[in-house]
């Protein structure tokens, strides 16, 4: 075994990379839902984050954080839309 080899458990699989990419996309969509149409963007962001949870491993940090952030952004976006009398959809 060479010095630079990593154990198989530590390697990132393509599914985990895809889940991280989807989680990043969901976070940005969730943050955009605070400003624009939270009913459309926020709901889609939560679904993409859930898809990332299903694909990826929950032991990684970005995927659960994405689910929490998108859910919070959806809730805050809906509350801001109601309070500021902005369109939800």
C-alpha atoms as a PDB file:
ATOM      1  CA  UNK A   1       0.000   0.000   0.000  1.00  0.00           C
ATOM      2  CA  UNK A   2       1.461   3.322  -0.975  1.00  0.00           C
ATOM      3  CA  UNK A   3       1.451   6.457   1.132  1.00  0.00           C
ATOM      4  CA  UNK A   4      -1.054   8.318  -1.072  1.00  0.00           C
ATOM      5  CA  UNK A   5      -3.736   5.664  -1.255  1.00  0.00           C
ATOM      6  CA  UNK A   6      -6.934   6.240   0.687  1.00  0.00           C
ATOM      7  CA  UNK A   7      -9.079   3.478   2.129  1.00  0.00           C
ATOM      8  CA  UNK A   8     -12.100   2.612   0.021  1.00  0.00           C
ATOM      9  CA  UNK A   9     -14.491   3.952   2.691  1.00  0.00           C
ATOM     10  CA  UNK A  10     -13.021   7.457   2.421  1.00  0.00           C
ATOM     11  CA  UNK A  11     -13.385   7.800  -1.348  1.00  0.00           C
ATOM     12  CA  UNK A  12     -16.163   9.939  -2.731  1.00  0.00           C
ATOM     13  CA  UNK A  13     -18.517   8.067  -5.034  1.00  0.00           C
ATOM     14  CA  UNK A  14     -20.154   9.640  -8.088  1.00  0.00           C
ATOM     15  CA  UNK A  15     -23.522   9.438  -6.323  1.00  0.00           C
ATOM     16  CA  UNK A  16     -22.162  11.468  -3.411  1.00  0.00           C
ATOM     17  CA  UNK A  17     -20.769  14.063  -5.807  1.00  0.00           C
ATOM     18  CA  UNK A  18     -24.142  14.315  -7.540  1.00  0.00           C
ATOM     19  CA  UNK A  19     -25.874  14.662  -4.170  1.00  0.00           C
ATOM     20  CA  UNK A  20     -23.490  17.444  -3.150  1.00  0.00           C
ATOM     21  CA  UNK A  21     -24.129  19.248  -6.433  1.00  0.00           C
ATOM     22  CA  UNK A  22     -27.898  18.927  -5.972  1.00  0.00           C
ATOM     23  CA  UNK A  23     -27.589  20.124  -2.377  1.00  0.00           C
ATOM     24  CA  UNK A  24     -25.663  23.203  -3.502  1.00  0.00           C
ATOM     25  CA  UNK A  25     -28.252  23.915  -6.184  1.00  0.00           C
ATOM     26  CA  UNK A  26     -31.037  23.525  -3.621  1.00  0.00           C
ATOM     27  CA  UNK A  27     -29.369  25.969  -1.225  1.00  0.00           C
ATOM     28  CA  UNK A  28     -29.086  28.639  -3.904  1.00  0.00           C
ATOM     29  CA  UNK A  29     -32.672  28.067  -5.017  1.00  0.00           C
ATOM     30  CA  UNK A  30     -33.838  28.266  -1.404  1.00  0.00           C
ATOM     31  CA  UNK A  31     -32.037  31.558  -0.893  1.00  0.00           C
ATOM     32  CA  UNK A  32     -33.553  32.899  -4.108  1.00  0.00           C
ATOM     33  CA  UNK A  33     -36.975  31.884  -2.767  1.00  0.00           C
ATOM     34  CA  UNK A  34     -36.617  34.518  -0.063  1.00  0.00           C
ATOM     35  CA  UNK A  35     -36.791  37.212  -2.734  1.00  0.00           C
ATOM     36  CA  UNK A  36     -38.746  35.667  -5.616  1.00  0.00           C
ATOM     37  CA  UNK A  37     -41.900  33.526  -5.510  1.00  0.00           C
ATOM     38  CA  UNK A  38     -41.362  31.262  -2.490  1.00  0.00           C
ATOM     39  CA  UNK A  39     -44.226  28.980  -3.514  1.00  0.00           C
ATOM     40  CA  UNK A  40     -42.433  27.982  -6.705  1.00  0.00           C
ATOM     41  CA  UNK A  41     -38.749  28.225  -5.894  1.00  0.00           C
ATOM     42  CA  UNK A  42     -38.944  27.218  -2.252  1.00  0.00           C
ATOM     43  CA  UNK A  43     -41.002  24.120  -2.893  1.00  0.00           C
ATOM     44  CA  UNK A  44     -38.731  23.090  -5.750  1.00  0.00           C
ATOM     45  CA  UNK A  45     -35.659  23.681  -3.598  1.00  0.00           C
ATOM     46  CA  UNK A  46     -37.020  21.465  -0.835  1.00  0.00           C
ATOM     47  CA  UNK A  47     -37.769  18.695  -3.355  1.00  0.00           C
ATOM     48  CA  UNK A  48     -34.259  18.934  -4.820  1.00  0.00           C
ATOM     49  CA  UNK A  49     -32.795  18.799  -1.303  1.00  0.00           C
ATOM     50  CA  UNK A  50     -34.892  15.709  -0.550  1.00  0.00           C
ATOM     51  CA  UNK A  51     -33.636  14.142  -3.768  1.00  0.00           C
ATOM     52  CA  UNK A  52     -30.083  14.863  -2.630  1.00  0.00           C
ATOM     53  CA  UNK A  53     -30.836  13.136   0.692  1.00  0.00           C
ATOM     54  CA  UNK A  54     -32.116  10.064  -1.131  1.00  0.00           C
ATOM     55  CA  UNK A  55     -29.139   9.925  -3.515  1.00  0.00           C
ATOM     56  CA  UNK A  56     -26.375  10.895  -1.145  1.00  0.00           C
ATOM     57  CA  UNK A  57     -25.175   9.790   2.195  1.00  0.00           C
ATOM     58  CA  UNK A  58     -26.636  11.551   5.225  1.00  0.00           C
ATOM     59  CA  UNK A  59     -23.313  11.284   7.039  1.00  0.00           C
ATOM     60  CA  UNK A  60     -21.916  13.975   4.758  1.00  0.00           C
ATOM     61  CA  UNK A  61     -22.473  17.525   5.967  1.00  0.00           C
ATOM     62  CA  UNK A  62     -23.764  19.400   2.947  1.00  0.00           C
ATOM     63  CA  UNK A  63     -26.841  17.276   2.284  1.00  0.00           C
ATOM     64  CA  UNK A  64     -28.554  17.643   5.715  1.00  0.00           C
ATOM     65  CA  UNK A  65     -27.555  21.314   5.826  1.00  0.00           C
ATOM     66  CA  UNK A  66     -29.191  21.830   2.433  1.00  0.00           C
ATOM     67  CA  UNK A  67     -32.412  20.267   3.661  1.00  0.00           C
ATOM     68  CA  UNK A  68     -32.465  22.463   6.763  1.00  0.00           C
ATOM     69  CA  UNK A  69     -31.585  25.643   4.861  1.00  0.00           C
ATOM     70  CA  UNK A  70     -34.147  25.104   2.104  1.00  0.00           C
ATOM     71  CA  UNK A  71     -36.892  24.315   4.605  1.00  0.00           C
ATOM     72  CA  UNK A  72     -36.085  27.431   6.621  1.00  0.00           C
ATOM     73  CA  UNK A  73     -35.921  29.567   3.465  1.00  0.00           C
ATOM     74  CA  UNK A  74     -39.258  28.197   2.285  1.00  0.00           C
ATOM     75  CA  UNK A  75     -40.890  29.020   5.609  1.00  0.00           C
ATOM     76  CA  UNK A  76     -39.327  32.487   5.846  1.00  0.00           C
ATOM     77  CA  UNK A  77     -40.119  33.244   2.215  1.00  0.00           C
ATOM     78  CA  UNK A  78     -43.765  32.339   2.723  1.00  0.00           C
ATOM     79  CA  UNK A  79     -43.946  34.412   5.908  1.00  0.00           C
ATOM     80  CA  UNK A  80     -42.304  37.407   4.219  1.00  0.00           C
ATOM     81  CA  UNK A  81     -44.648  37.123   1.248  1.00  0.00           C
ATOM     82  CA  UNK A  82     -47.673  37.192   3.535  1.00  0.00           C
ATOM     83  CA  UNK A  83     -46.377  40.003   5.755  1.00  0.00           C
ATOM     84  CA  UNK A  84     -45.153  42.194   2.871  1.00  0.00           C
ATOM     85  CA  UNK A  85     -48.196  41.378   0.681  1.00  0.00           C
ATOM     86  CA  UNK A  86     -46.094  39.970  -2.143  1.00  0.00           C
ATOM     87  CA  UNK A  87     -47.159  37.174  -4.536  1.00  0.00           C
ATOM     88  CA  UNK A  88     -46.488  33.665  -3.303  1.00  0.00           C
ATOM     89  CA  UNK A  89     -46.735  31.911  -6.685  1.00  0.00           C
END
